[in-house]
Protein backbone atom coordinates (compact mmCIF):
# COMPACT_ATOMS: atom_id res chain seq x y z
CA UNK A 1 83.41 120.44 117.73
CA UNK A 2 86.72 120.77 115.98
CA UNK A 3 86.89 124.68 114.26
CA UNK A 4 88.85 125.83 111.54
CA UNK A 5 92.68 125.69 111.80
CA UNK A 6 92.31 123.52 115.04
CA UNK A 7 94.57 120.31 114.79
CA UNK A 8 92.87 116.85 115.70
CA UNK A 9 94.93 114.94 117.95
CA UNK A 10 94.76 111.26 118.33
CA UNK A 11 94.45 109.73 122.39
CA UNK A 12 97.29 108.15 123.85
CA UNK A 13 96.27 105.04 125.92
CA UNK A 14 98.20 104.32 129.15
CA UNK A 15 97.39 102.24 132.54
CA UNK A 16 96.22 98.63 132.86
CA UNK A 17 94.29 97.32 130.38
CA UNK A 18 94.74 100.86 128.44
CA UNK A 19 91.63 101.90 130.59
CA UNK A 20 93.14 105.52 130.33
CA UNK A 21 93.34 107.75 127.11
CA UNK A 22 94.62 111.16 127.07
CA UNK A 23 95.77 114.41 124.45
CA UNK A 24 97.01 117.20 124.93
CA UNK A 25 96.12 119.63 122.52
CA UNK A 26 98.14 122.58 120.89
CA UNK A 27 97.54 125.63 123.78
CA UNK A 28 98.17 123.02 126.35
CA UNK A 29 94.67 121.49 127.35
CA UNK A 30 95.30 118.25 128.91
CA UNK A 31 91.93 115.71 128.47
CA UNK A 32 91.99 112.62 130.22
CA UNK A 33 89.23 109.93 128.92
CA UNK A 34 88.24 106.64 131.18
CA UNK A 35 85.06 104.68 130.45
CA UNK A 36 83.38 104.63 133.23
CA UNK A 37 80.81 101.99 132.61
CA UNK A 38 83.98 99.23 132.92
CA UNK A 39 85.46 98.29 135.89
CA UNK A 40 88.31 96.42 136.01
CA UNK A 41 87.76 94.54 139.34
CA UNK A 42 89.09 94.98 142.92
CA UNK A 43 92.37 96.72 143.94
CA UNK A 44 95.60 94.62 144.99
CA UNK A 45 94.21 94.88 148.94
CA UNK A 46 90.78 94.62 148.40
CA UNK A 47 89.24 97.50 149.49
CA UNK A 48 87.83 99.10 146.51
CA UNK A 49 86.96 98.48 143.04
CA UNK A 50 88.88 99.82 140.00
CA UNK A 51 87.45 101.64 137.31
CA UNK A 52 90.83 102.93 135.99
CA UNK A 53 94.75 102.99 137.20
CA UNK A 54 98.16 104.32 135.35
CA UNK A 55 99.62 101.44 137.77
CA UNK A 56 102.63 104.57 138.71
CA UNK A 57 103.61 107.42 137.43
CA UNK A 58 104.19 107.79 133.47
CA UNK A 59 105.81 110.37 131.18
CA UNK A 60 103.90 112.04 129.45
CA UNK A 61 104.45 114.34 126.88
CA UNK A 62 102.70 117.80 127.35
CA UNK A 63 104.53 119.55 124.48
CA UNK A 64 102.79 121.55 121.40
CA UNK A 65 103.82 121.16 117.89
CA UNK A 66 105.12 124.65 117.74
CA UNK A 67 107.05 124.32 121.11
CA UNK A 68 108.17 120.68 120.60
CA UNK A 69 108.11 117.77 123.76
CA UNK A 70 107.35 118.75 127.30
CA UNK A 71 107.55 116.00 129.70
CA UNK A 72 105.31 115.81 132.99
CA UNK A 73 104.28 112.59 134.81
CA UNK A 74 100.78 111.42 135.43
CA UNK A 75 99.43 109.03 137.85
CA UNK A 76 96.01 108.21 138.30
CA UNK A 77 93.68 105.72 140.43
CA UNK A 78 89.76 106.23 139.57
CA UNK A 79 87.69 103.57 141.79
CA UNK A 80 84.53 103.37 144.39
CA UNK A 81 83.92 101.45 147.50
CA UNK A 82 81.67 98.70 147.05
CA UNK A 83 78.35 98.98 148.34
CA UNK A 84 77.19 97.67 151.48
């Protein structure tokens, strides 16, 4: 829900098949969204099933409209083990 005066920011996409969406609001809250109903398939080793991967670390802007750019790095993998 958007309250009066709150800036609505669009999600930015990253990772394999744009599987990770993120945004950082003016209060510094980083929100990461992953659709866990979709799988990317097996990992490179074949030991796990991937939901999302950033495919390494990515530079993202976590700054605000008041303070300007502020850079950080995000690396993320979300996976499950296959059912036996």
